């Protein structure tokens, strides 16, 4: 799986973000802004995205950001 997002606006425009793996080895998703982040395994990410969950994504020098599934490339929408 090669999920990614290209930043479209601001100083980081053009930066490619990838799913952010936390120290516990999991990724973070949530159903809508304001909800708690849920730990997810890599093999679960596409199912969460299909369910409309937001995924935290980052790049070197770019803090993790919540990205909506319709903006994420590299998965079957």
PDB file of N, CA and C in Angstrom:
ATOM      1  N   UNK A   1       0.852  -1.172   0.000  1.00  0.00           N
ATOM      2  CA  UNK A   1       0.000   0.000   0.000  1.00  0.00           C
ATOM      3  C   UNK A   1       0.894   1.229   0.000  1.00  0.00           C
ATOM      4  N   UNK A   2       0.552   2.179  -0.842  1.00  0.00           N
ATOM      5  CA  UNK A   2       1.345   3.401  -0.940  1.00  0.00           C
ATOM      6  C   UNK A   2       0.427   4.615  -0.840  1.00  0.00           C
ATOM      7  N   UNK A   3      -0.090   4.863   0.352  1.00  0.00           N
ATOM      8  CA  UNK A   3      -0.952   6.017   0.560  1.00  0.00           C
ATOM      9  C   UNK A   3      -0.119   7.285   0.625  1.00  0.00           C
ATOM     10  N   UNK A   4      -0.608   8.360   0.011  1.00  0.00           N
ATOM     11  CA  UNK A   4       0.097   9.636   0.070  1.00  0.00           C
ATOM     12  C   UNK A   4      -0.862  10.785  -0.206  1.00  0.00           C
ATOM     13  N   UNK A   5      -0.422  11.987   0.123  1.00  0.00           N
ATOM     14  CA  UNK A   5      -1.190  13.204  -0.097  1.00  0.00           C
ATOM     15  C   UNK A   5      -0.213  14.313  -0.452  1.00  0.00           C
ATOM     16  N   UNK A   6      -0.541  15.109  -1.458  1.00  0.00           N
ATOM     17  CA  UNK A   6       0.281  16.263  -1.810  1.00  0.00           C
ATOM     18  C   UNK A   6      -0.334  17.508  -1.190  1.00  0.00           C
ATOM     19  N   UNK A   7       0.448  18.246  -0.382  1.00  0.00           N
ATOM     20  CA  UNK A   7      -0.025  19.495   0.209  1.00  0.00           C
ATOM     21  C   UNK A   7      -0.332  20.459  -0.927  1.00  0.00           C
ATOM     22  N   UNK A   8      -1.500  21.086  -0.878  1.00  0.00           N
ATOM     23  CA  UNK A   8      -1.955  21.928  -1.982  1.00  0.00           C
ATOM     24  C   UNK A   8      -1.813  23.419  -1.743  1.00  0.00           C
ATOM     25  N   UNK A   9      -1.659  23.822  -0.482  1.00  0.00           N
ATOM     26  CA  UNK A   9      -1.636  25.244  -0.164  1.00  0.00           C
ATOM     27  C   UNK A   9      -0.525  25.565   0.832  1.00  0.00           C
ATOM     28  N   UNK A  10      -0.159  26.846   0.912  1.00  0.00           N
ATOM     29  CA  UNK A  10       0.761  27.327   1.932  1.00  0.00           C
ATOM     30  C   UNK A  10       2.225  27.086   1.622  1.00  0.00           C
ATOM     31  N   UNK A  11       3.023  27.300   2.652  1.00  0.00           N
ATOM     32  CA  UNK A  11       4.479  27.212   2.516  1.00  0.00           C
ATOM     33  C   UNK A  11       4.943  25.801   2.154  1.00  0.00           C
ATOM     34  N   UNK A  12       4.186  24.782   2.532  1.00  0.00           N
ATOM     35  CA  UNK A  12       4.563  23.390   2.263  1.00  0.00           C
ATOM     36  C   UNK A  12       3.949  22.851   0.980  1.00  0.00           C
ATOM     37  N   UNK A  13       3.403  23.719   0.144  1.00  0.00           N
ATOM     38  CA  UNK A  13       2.754  23.291  -1.100  1.00  0.00           C
ATOM     39  C   UNK A  13       3.684  22.358  -1.884  1.00  0.00           C
ATOM     40  N   UNK A  14       3.129  21.228  -2.326  1.00  0.00           N
ATOM     41  CA  UNK A  14       3.902  20.256  -3.095  1.00  0.00           C
ATOM     42  C   UNK A  14       4.548  19.162  -2.259  1.00  0.00           C
ATOM     43  N   UNK A  15       4.590  19.320  -0.945  1.00  0.00           N
ATOM     44  CA  UNK A  15       5.172  18.298  -0.074  1.00  0.00           C
ATOM     45  C   UNK A  15       4.294  17.049  -0.105  1.00  0.00           C
ATOM     46  N   UNK A  16       4.922  15.898  -0.188  1.00  0.00           N
ATOM     47  CA  UNK A  16       4.189  14.623  -0.192  1.00  0.00           C
ATOM     48  C   UNK A  16       4.161  14.090   1.237  1.00  0.00           C
ATOM     49  N   UNK A  17       2.950  13.864   1.750  1.00  0.00           N
ATOM     50  CA  UNK A  17       2.762  13.314   3.086  1.00  0.00           C
ATOM     51  C   UNK A  17       2.415  11.833   2.989  1.00  0.00           C
ATOM     52  N   UNK A  18       2.825  11.087   3.991  1.00  0.00           N
ATOM     53  CA  UNK A  18       2.561   9.657   4.082  1.00  0.00           C
ATOM     54  C   UNK A  18       1.929   9.370   5.436  1.00  0.00           C
ATOM     55  N   UNK A  19       1.239   8.226   5.603  1.00  0.00           N
ATOM     56  CA  UNK A  19       0.670   7.890   6.912  1.00  0.00           C
ATOM     57  C   UNK A  19       1.743   7.971   8.008  1.00  0.00           C
ATOM     58  N   UNK A  20       1.384   8.613   9.109  1.00  0.00           N
ATOM     59  CA  UNK A  20       2.327   8.814  10.209  1.00  0.00           C
ATOM     60  C   UNK A  20       2.241   7.641  11.183  1.00  0.00           C
ATOM     61  N   UNK A  21       3.352   6.923  11.337  1.00  0.00           N
ATOM     62  CA  UNK A  21       3.419   5.799  12.276  1.00  0.00           C
ATOM     63  C   UNK A  21       3.924   6.330  13.620  1.00  0.00           C
ATOM     64  N   UNK A  22       3.190   6.048  14.677  1.00  0.00           N
ATOM     65  CA  UNK A  22       3.559   6.487  16.018  1.00  0.00           C
ATOM     66  C   UNK A  22       4.503   5.480  16.688  1.00  0.00           C
ATOM     67  N   UNK A  23       5.031   5.850  17.818  1.00  0.00           N
ATOM     68  CA  UNK A  23       6.022   5.008  18.512  1.00  0.00           C
ATOM     69  C   UNK A  23       5.495   3.622  18.853  1.00  0.00           C
ATOM     70  N   UNK A  24       4.182   3.527  19.038  1.00  0.00           N
ATOM     71  CA  UNK A  24       3.597   2.212  19.346  1.00  0.00           C
ATOM     72  C   UNK A  24       3.423   1.350  18.091  1.00  0.00           C
ATOM     73  N   UNK A  25       3.850   1.880  16.931  1.00  0.00           N
ATOM     74  CA  UNK A  25       3.774   1.141  15.686  1.00  0.00           C
ATOM     75  C   UNK A  25       2.450   1.278  14.952  1.00  0.00           C
ATOM     76  N   UNK A  26       1.514   2.017  15.543  1.00  0.00           N
ATOM     77  CA  UNK A  26       0.193   2.177  14.934  1.00  0.00           C
ATOM     78  C   UNK A  26       0.060   3.540  14.258  1.00  0.00           C
ATOM     79  N   UNK A  27      -0.972   3.631  13.436  1.00  0.00           N
ATOM     80  CA  UNK A  27      -1.346   4.874  12.781  1.00  0.00           C
ATOM     81  C   UNK A  27      -2.555   5.422  13.521  1.00  0.00           C
ATOM     82  N   UNK A  28      -2.967   6.660  13.230  1.00  0.00           N
ATOM     83  CA  UNK A  28      -4.102   7.255  13.919  1.00  0.00           C
ATOM     84  C   UNK A  28      -5.164   7.684  12.919  1.00  0.00           C
ATOM     85  N   UNK A  29      -6.416   7.329  13.250  1.00  0.00           N
ATOM     86  CA  UNK A  29      -7.572   7.707  12.446  1.00  0.00           C
ATOM     87  C   UNK A  29      -8.666   8.222  13.383  1.00  0.00           C
ATOM     88  N   UNK A  30      -9.595   9.000  12.813  1.00  0.00           N
ATOM     89  CA  UNK A  30     -10.781   9.406  13.568  1.00  0.00           C
ATOM     90  C   UNK A  30     -11.914   9.667  12.588  1.00  0.00           C
ATOM     91  N   UNK A  31     -13.145   9.535  13.078  1.00  0.00           N
ATOM     92  CA  UNK A  31     -14.280   9.631  12.167  1.00  0.00           C
ATOM     93  C   UNK A  31     -14.607  11.061  11.765  1.00  0.00           C
ATOM     94  N   UNK A  32     -14.415  12.022  12.675  1.00  0.00           N
ATOM     95  CA  UNK A  32     -14.663  13.418  12.325  1.00  0.00           C
ATOM     96  C   UNK A  32     -13.849  14.323  13.238  1.00  0.00           C
ATOM     97  N   UNK A  33     -13.607  15.569  12.820  1.00  0.00           N
ATOM     98  CA  UNK A  33     -12.850  16.494  13.673  1.00  0.00           C
ATOM     99  C   UNK A  33     -13.495  16.598  15.060  1.00  0.00           C
ATOM    100  N   UNK A  34     -12.660  16.596  16.062  1.00  0.00           N
ATOM    101  CA  UNK A  34     -13.144  16.661  17.437  1.00  0.00           C
ATOM    102  C   UNK A  34     -13.232  15.313  18.122  1.00  0.00           C
ATOM    103  N   UNK A  35     -13.326  14.231  17.355  1.00  0.00           N
ATOM    104  CA  UNK A  35     -13.336  12.884  17.937  1.00  0.00           C
ATOM    105  C   UNK A  35     -11.923  12.510  18.372  1.00  0.00           C
ATOM    106  N   UNK A  36     -11.822  11.517  19.242  1.00  0.00           N
ATOM    107  CA  UNK A  36     -10.511  11.014  19.660  1.00  0.00           C
ATOM    108  C   UNK A  36      -9.874  10.233  18.530  1.00  0.00           C
ATOM    109  N   UNK A  37      -8.533  10.285  18.480  1.00  0.00           N
ATOM    110  CA  UNK A  37      -7.781   9.502  17.501  1.00  0.00           C
ATOM    111  C   UNK A  37      -7.767   8.051  17.951  1.00  0.00           C
ATOM    112  N   UNK A  38      -7.934   7.132  17.014  1.00  0.00           N
ATOM    113  CA  UNK A  38      -7.954   5.689  17.266  1.00  0.00           C
ATOM    114  C   UNK A  38      -6.687   5.089  16.665  1.00  0.00           C
ATOM    115  N   UNK A  39      -6.028   4.202  17.389  1.00  0.00           N
ATOM    116  CA  UNK A  39      -4.863   3.496  16.859  1.00  0.00           C
ATOM    117  C   UNK A  39      -5.305   2.444  15.852  1.00  0.00           C
ATOM    118  N   UNK A  40      -4.625   2.394  14.712  1.00  0.00           N
ATOM    119  CA  UNK A  40      -4.984   1.426  13.664  1.00  0.00           C
ATOM    120  C   UNK A  40      -3.729   0.757  13.121  1.00  0.00           C
ATOM    121  N   UNK A  41      -3.855  -0.507  12.777  1.00  0.00           N
ATOM    122  CA  UNK A  41      -2.777  -1.254  12.139  1.00  0.00           C
ATOM    123  C   UNK A  41      -2.747  -0.896  10.653  1.00  0.00           C
ATOM    124  N   UNK A  42      -1.599  -1.094  10.005  1.00  0.00           N
ATOM    125  CA  UNK A  42      -1.461  -0.744   8.593  1.00  0.00           C
ATOM    126  C   UNK A  42      -2.486  -1.461   7.716  1.00  0.00           C
ATOM    127  N   UNK A  43      -2.736  -2.744   7.982  1.00  0.00           N
ATOM    128  CA  UNK A  43      -3.676  -3.502   7.152  1.00  0.00           C
ATOM    129  C   UNK A  43      -5.126  -3.039   7.320  1.00  0.00           C
ATOM    130  N   UNK A  44      -5.412  -2.210   8.322  1.00  0.00           N
ATOM    131  CA  UNK A  44      -6.766  -1.709   8.571  1.00  0.00           C
ATOM    132  C   UNK A  44      -7.027  -0.351   7.913  1.00  0.00           C
ATOM    133  N   UNK A  45      -5.996   0.324   7.449  1.00  0.00           N
ATOM    134  CA  UNK A  45      -6.141   1.706   6.992  1.00  0.00           C
ATOM    135  C   UNK A  45      -7.140   1.868   5.855  1.00  0.00           C
ATOM    136  N   UNK A  46      -7.068   1.026   4.835  1.00  0.00           N
ATOM    137  CA  UNK A  46      -7.981   1.181   3.707  1.00  0.00           C
ATOM    138  C   UNK A  46      -9.437   1.013   4.134  1.00  0.00           C
ATOM    139  N   UNK A  47      -9.711   0.116   5.055  1.00  0.00           N
ATOM    140  CA  UNK A  47     -11.087  -0.068   5.543  1.00  0.00           C
ATOM    141  C   UNK A  47     -11.558   1.188   6.278  1.00  0.00           C
ATOM    142  N   UNK A  48     -10.691   1.770   7.097  1.00  0.00           N
ATOM    143  CA  UNK A  48     -11.050   3.018   7.779  1.00  0.00           C
ATOM    144  C   UNK A  48     -11.294   4.138   6.770  1.00  0.00           C
ATOM    145  N   UNK A  49     -10.430   4.260   5.763  1.00  0.00           N
ATOM    146  CA  UNK A  49     -10.612   5.292   4.747  1.00  0.00           C
ATOM    147  C   UNK A  49     -11.931   5.083   4.001  1.00  0.00           C
ATOM    148  N   UNK A  50     -12.259   3.838   3.667  1.00  0.00           N
ATOM    149  CA  UNK A  50     -13.525   3.541   2.989  1.00  0.00           C
ATOM    150  C   UNK A  50     -14.717   3.944   3.856  1.00  0.00           C
ATOM    151  N   UNK A  51     -14.530   3.917   5.172  1.00  0.00           N
ATOM    152  CA  UNK A  51     -15.580   4.322   6.110  1.00  0.00           C
ATOM    153  C   UNK A  51     -15.612   5.816   6.365  1.00  0.00           C
ATOM    154  N   UNK A  52     -14.749   6.569   5.675  1.00  0.00           N
ATOM    155  CA  UNK A  52     -14.764   8.020   5.805  1.00  0.00           C
ATOM    156  C   UNK A  52     -13.868   8.575   6.903  1.00  0.00           C
ATOM    157  N   UNK A  53     -13.013   7.746   7.480  1.00  0.00           N
ATOM    158  CA  UNK A  53     -12.154   8.191   8.573  1.00  0.00           C
ATOM    159  C   UNK A  53     -11.018   9.085   8.075  1.00  0.00           C
ATOM    160  N   UNK A  54     -10.642  10.033   8.903  1.00  0.00           N
ATOM    161  CA  UNK A  54      -9.520  10.942   8.654  1.00  0.00           C
ATOM    162  C   UNK A  54      -8.246  10.238   9.104  1.00  0.00           C
ATOM    163  N   UNK A  55      -7.170  10.375   8.347  1.00  0.00           N
ATOM    164  CA  UNK A  55      -5.889   9.718   8.646  1.00  0.00           C
ATOM    165  C   UNK A  55      -4.817  10.761   8.924  1.00  0.00           C
ATOM    166  N   UNK A  56      -4.030  10.556   9.964  1.00  0.00           N
ATOM    167  CA  UNK A  56      -2.903  11.460  10.246  1.00  0.00           C
ATOM    168  C   UNK A  56      -1.759  11.110   9.319  1.00  0.00           C
ATOM    169  N   UNK A  57      -1.253  12.142   8.632  1.00  0.00           N
ATOM    170  CA  UNK A  57      -0.170  11.953   7.665  1.00  0.00           C
ATOM    171  C   UNK A  57       0.897  13.005   7.916  1.00  0.00           C
ATOM    172  N   UNK A  58       2.160  12.657   7.593  1.00  0.00           N
ATOM    173  CA  UNK A  58       3.269  13.573   7.848  1.00  0.00           C
ATOM    174  C   UNK A  58       4.395  13.340   6.844  1.00  0.00           C
ATOM    175  N   UNK A  59       5.393  14.198   6.932  1.00  0.00           N
ATOM    176  CA  UNK A  59       6.636  14.071   6.164  1.00  0.00           C
ATOM    177  C   UNK A  59       7.741  14.644   7.029  1.00  0.00           C
ATOM    178  N   UNK A  60       8.973  14.342   6.678  1.00  0.00           N
ATOM    179  CA  UNK A  60      10.094  14.890   7.431  1.00  0.00           C
ATOM    180  C   UNK A  60       9.980  16.414   7.437  1.00  0.00           C
ATOM    181  N   UNK A  61       9.983  16.997   8.624  1.00  0.00           N
ATOM    182  CA  UNK A  61       9.863  18.442   8.757  1.00  0.00           C
ATOM    183  C   UNK A  61       8.435  18.954   8.709  1.00  0.00           C
ATOM    184  N   UNK A  62       7.469  18.065   8.627  1.00  0.00           N
ATOM    185  CA  UNK A  62       6.054  18.440   8.571  1.00  0.00           C
ATOM    186  C   UNK A  62       5.316  17.649   9.644  1.00  0.00           C
ATOM    187  N   UNK A  63       4.732  18.356  10.603  1.00  0.00           N
ATOM    188  CA  UNK A  63       4.008  17.697  11.695  1.00  0.00           C
ATOM    189  C   UNK A  63       2.803  16.924  11.147  1.00  0.00           C
ATOM    190  N   UNK A  64       2.366  15.886  11.862  1.00  0.00           N
ATOM    191  CA  UNK A  64       1.209  15.119  11.409  1.00  0.00           C
ATOM    192  C   UNK A  64      -0.040  15.994  11.253  1.00  0.00           C
ATOM    193  N   UNK A  65      -0.753  15.789  10.169  1.00  0.00           N
ATOM    194  CA  UNK A  65      -2.000  16.496   9.875  1.00  0.00           C
ATOM    195  C   UNK A  65      -3.080  15.469   9.585  1.00  0.00           C
ATOM    196  N   UNK A  66      -4.314  15.801   9.929  1.00  0.00           N
ATOM    197  CA  UNK A  66      -5.437  14.936   9.604  1.00  0.00           C
ATOM    198  C   UNK A  66      -5.888  15.188   8.177  1.00  0.00           C
ATOM    199  N   UNK A  67      -5.889  14.144   7.357  1.00  0.00           N
ATOM    200  CA  UNK A  67      -6.242  14.267   5.946  1.00  0.00           C
ATOM    201  C   UNK A  67      -7.497  13.434   5.664  1.00  0.00           C
ATOM    202  N   UNK A  68      -8.472  14.056   5.006  1.00  0.00           N
ATOM    203  CA  UNK A  68      -9.726  13.383   4.665  1.00  0.00           C
ATOM    204  C   UNK A  68      -9.480  12.329   3.581  1.00  0.00           C
ATOM    205  N   UNK A  69     -10.232  11.241   3.608  1.00  0.00           N
ATOM    206  CA  UNK A  69      -9.992  10.143   2.666  1.00  0.00           C
ATOM    207  C   UNK A  69     -10.126  10.524   1.199  1.00  0.00           C
ATOM    208  N   UNK A  70     -10.992  11.476   0.863  1.00  0.00           N
ATOM    209  CA  UNK A  70     -11.155  11.843  -0.545  1.00  0.00           C
ATOM    210  C   UNK A  70      -9.939  12.567  -1.102  1.00  0.00           C
ATOM    211  N   UNK A  71      -9.044  13.034  -0.229  1.00  0.00           N
ATOM    212  CA  UNK A  71      -7.826  13.731  -0.658  1.00  0.00           C
ATOM    213  C   UNK A  71      -6.614  12.809  -0.736  1.00  0.00           C
ATOM    214  N   UNK A  72      -6.738  11.601  -0.224  1.00  0.00           N
ATOM    215  CA  UNK A  72      -5.621  10.656  -0.153  1.00  0.00           C
ATOM    216  C   UNK A  72      -5.553   9.821  -1.427  1.00  0.00           C
ATOM    217  N   UNK A  73      -4.351   9.702  -1.975  1.00  0.00           N
ATOM    218  CA  UNK A  73      -4.123   8.905  -3.183  1.00  0.00           C
ATOM    219  C   UNK A  73      -3.542   7.543  -2.796  1.00  0.00           C
ATOM    220  N   UNK A  74      -3.634   6.584  -3.720  1.00  0.00           N
ATOM    221  CA  UNK A  74      -2.985   5.296  -3.531  1.00  0.00           C
ATOM    222  C   UNK A  74      -3.853   4.214  -2.937  1.00  0.00           C
ATOM    223  N   UNK A  75      -5.161   4.429  -2.909  1.00  0.00           N
ATOM    224  CA  UNK A  75      -6.046   3.383  -2.415  1.00  0.00           C
ATOM    225  C   UNK A  75      -7.309   3.371  -3.276  1.00  0.00           C
ATOM    226  N   UNK A  76      -8.020   2.268  -3.242  1.00  0.00           N
ATOM    227  CA  UNK A  76      -9.244   2.086  -4.019  1.00  0.00           C
ATOM    228  C   UNK A  76     -10.377   2.825  -3.339  1.00  0.00           C
ATOM    229  N   UNK A  77     -10.829   3.918  -3.924  1.00  0.00           N
ATOM    230  CA  UNK A  77     -11.916   4.731  -3.313  1.00  0.00           C
ATOM    231  C   UNK A  77     -13.275   4.186  -3.645  1.00  0.00           C
TER     232      UNK A  77
END
